[in-house]
Protein backbone atom coordinates (compact mmCIF):
# COMPACT_ATOMS: atom_id res chain seq x y z
CA MET A 1 -10.11 -8.35 -47.73
CA ARG A 2 -11.00 -9.09 -44.12
CA ALA A 3 -10.53 -5.79 -42.35
CA GLY A 4 -12.93 -2.90 -42.71
CA ARG A 5 -10.07 -0.41 -42.88
CA TRP A 6 -10.34 -0.32 -46.67
CA VAL A 7 -13.56 1.67 -46.32
CA ILE A 8 -11.38 4.64 -45.28
CA LEU A 9 -10.34 5.24 -48.90
CA PRO A 10 -13.83 5.77 -50.37
CA SER A 11 -14.80 7.74 -47.26
CA ALA A 12 -11.83 10.08 -47.71
CA LEU A 13 -12.63 10.46 -51.40
CA THR A 14 -16.23 11.33 -50.52
CA CYS A 15 -15.00 14.03 -48.13
CA ALA A 16 -12.70 15.39 -50.85
CA MET A 17 -15.63 15.48 -53.28
CA VAL A 18 -17.78 17.42 -50.81
CA VAL A 19 -14.96 19.94 -50.24
CA LEU A 20 -14.46 20.41 -53.99
CA ILE A 21 -18.19 20.93 -54.52
CA ALA A 22 -18.27 23.50 -51.70
CA LEU A 23 -15.28 25.36 -53.17
CA ARG A 24 -16.85 25.40 -56.62
CA ILE A 25 -20.17 26.67 -55.29
CA ARG A 26 -18.31 29.46 -53.46
CA ILE A 27 -16.52 30.49 -56.67
CA VAL A 28 -19.76 30.52 -58.68
CA ARG A 29 -21.59 32.51 -55.99
CA GLN A 30 -18.82 35.10 -55.86
CA ARG A 31 -19.07 35.57 -59.62
CA THR A 32 -22.80 35.54 -60.06
CA GLY A 33 -24.00 37.20 -56.89
CA ASP A 34 -26.69 35.81 -54.64
CA TRP A 35 -28.69 33.01 -56.29
CA SER A 36 -31.89 34.33 -54.76
CA GLY A 37 -32.01 37.05 -57.40
CA GLU A 38 -31.49 39.96 -55.04
CA ASN A 39 -27.99 40.71 -56.27
CA CYS A 40 -28.07 39.11 -59.69
CA VAL A 41 -24.80 40.24 -61.22
CA ILE A 42 -22.91 38.16 -63.74
CA GLY A 43 -19.22 38.81 -63.39
CA PRO A 44 -16.40 37.65 -65.62
CA TYR A 45 -16.39 33.90 -66.24
CA ASN A 46 -13.80 32.05 -64.19
CA PRO A 47 -12.26 29.06 -66.03
CA ALA A 48 -11.39 27.54 -62.63
CA GLU A 49 -15.07 26.63 -62.32
CA ARG A 50 -14.69 24.16 -65.18
CA SER A 51 -11.45 22.80 -63.66
CA TYR A 52 -13.30 22.10 -60.43
CA LEU A 53 -15.93 20.20 -62.42
CA TYR A 54 -13.27 17.97 -63.94
CA ALA A 55 -11.72 17.37 -60.50
CA ILE A 56 -15.12 16.66 -58.91
CA THR A 57 -15.99 14.20 -61.68
CA ALA A 58 -12.63 12.41 -61.35
CA VAL A 59 -12.93 12.13 -57.56
CA PHE A 60 -16.52 10.96 -58.00
CA ALA A 61 -15.46 8.17 -60.37
CA LEU A 62 -12.71 7.06 -57.97
CA THR A 63 -15.16 7.09 -55.06
CA VAL A 64 -17.64 4.90 -56.92
CA ALA A 65 -14.92 2.50 -58.06
CA THR A 66 -13.42 2.08 -54.59
CA ALA A 67 -16.82 1.78 -52.90
CA VAL A 68 -17.86 -0.94 -55.35
CA ALA A 69 -14.55 -2.74 -54.81
CA VAL A 70 -14.98 -2.61 -51.02
CA THR A 71 -18.59 -3.77 -51.28
CA ILE A 72 -17.65 -6.77 -53.42
CA THR A 73 -14.40 -7.86 -51.79
CA THR A 74 -14.82 -7.23 -48.07
CA ASN A 75 -15.94 -9.83 -45.57
CA SER A 76 -16.85 -7.26 -42.94
CA ARG A 77 -20.56 -6.53 -42.77
CA ARG A 78 -19.93 -3.09 -41.25
CA ALA A 79 -17.53 -2.10 -44.04
CA ARG A 80 -19.99 -3.35 -46.64
CA ILE A 81 -22.81 -1.26 -45.12
CA VAL A 82 -20.62 1.86 -45.06
CA ALA A 83 -19.57 1.27 -48.67
CA ILE A 84 -23.19 0.84 -49.74
CA GLY A 85 -24.06 4.06 -47.90
CA LEU A 86 -21.31 5.83 -49.83
CA LEU A 87 -22.74 4.44 -53.06
CA VAL A 88 -26.14 5.87 -52.13
CA PHE A 89 -24.49 9.25 -51.51
CA CYS A 90 -22.74 8.97 -54.87
CA GLY A 91 -26.09 8.26 -56.49
CA LEU A 92 -27.42 11.53 -55.07
CA ALA A 93 -24.26 13.35 -56.15
CA THR A 94 -24.85 12.00 -59.66
CA LEU A 95 -28.04 14.05 -59.83
CA TYR A 96 -26.04 17.23 -59.15
CA ILE A 97 -22.94 16.44 -61.20
CA PHE A 98 -24.38 14.93 -64.36
CA ALA A 99 -28.05 15.89 -64.52
CA TYR A 100 -27.64 19.49 -63.36
CA VAL A 101 -24.12 20.69 -64.13
CA TRP A 102 -22.86 18.68 -67.10
CA ALA A 103 -26.28 18.60 -68.80
CA GLY A 104 -26.27 22.40 -68.89
CA LEU A 105 -29.11 23.15 -66.51
CA GLU A 106 -26.81 25.38 -64.48
CA TYR A 107 -27.29 28.55 -66.51
CA ASN A 108 -24.50 30.51 -64.81
CA ASN A 109 -21.79 27.96 -65.65
CA ARG A 110 -21.20 29.27 -69.15
CA PRO A 111 -18.93 32.02 -70.46
CA ASP A 112 -22.08 33.72 -71.83
CA PRO A 113 -24.97 32.88 -69.47
CA SER A 114 -28.22 32.34 -71.33
CA MET A 115 -30.30 33.61 -68.42
CA PRO A 116 -28.26 36.24 -66.57
CA CYS A 117 -31.02 37.12 -64.13
CA PRO A 118 -33.90 34.63 -64.18
CA PHE A 119 -35.67 36.02 -61.13
CA ARG A 120 -36.01 39.61 -62.36
CA ARG A 121 -37.88 41.04 -65.27
CA LYS A 122 -36.42 44.13 -66.88
CA ASP A 123 -39.83 45.56 -67.73
CA LEU A 124 -40.90 45.66 -64.06
CA HIS A 125 -39.49 48.50 -61.97
CA LEU A 126 -40.56 47.99 -58.39
């Protein structure tokens, strides 16, 4: 693999992953209200949120696989640097996807949220 044009594939997959994450965050915010706690309303659970998680995880896996393939097989230093940069981005995305969402730390990603309004206490009426 001599040309650096193969780096376009993992770059496009990274852009697709960012768009899917943004769409999912928009859906969750519409359902749960503002995350700051000002308008903490839990609406009906939207199963599309889970579908977006599956799509984000699949695109993430493809991005990592193609970036590793480009890093290993390319002769172009520039393409290798871009692919390594994408792998660093994927490492950061791993913290969001696996440690936060799939591990269950995102309390409003369940049909029955365990903490519907973590920033407000019901016994305080200000």
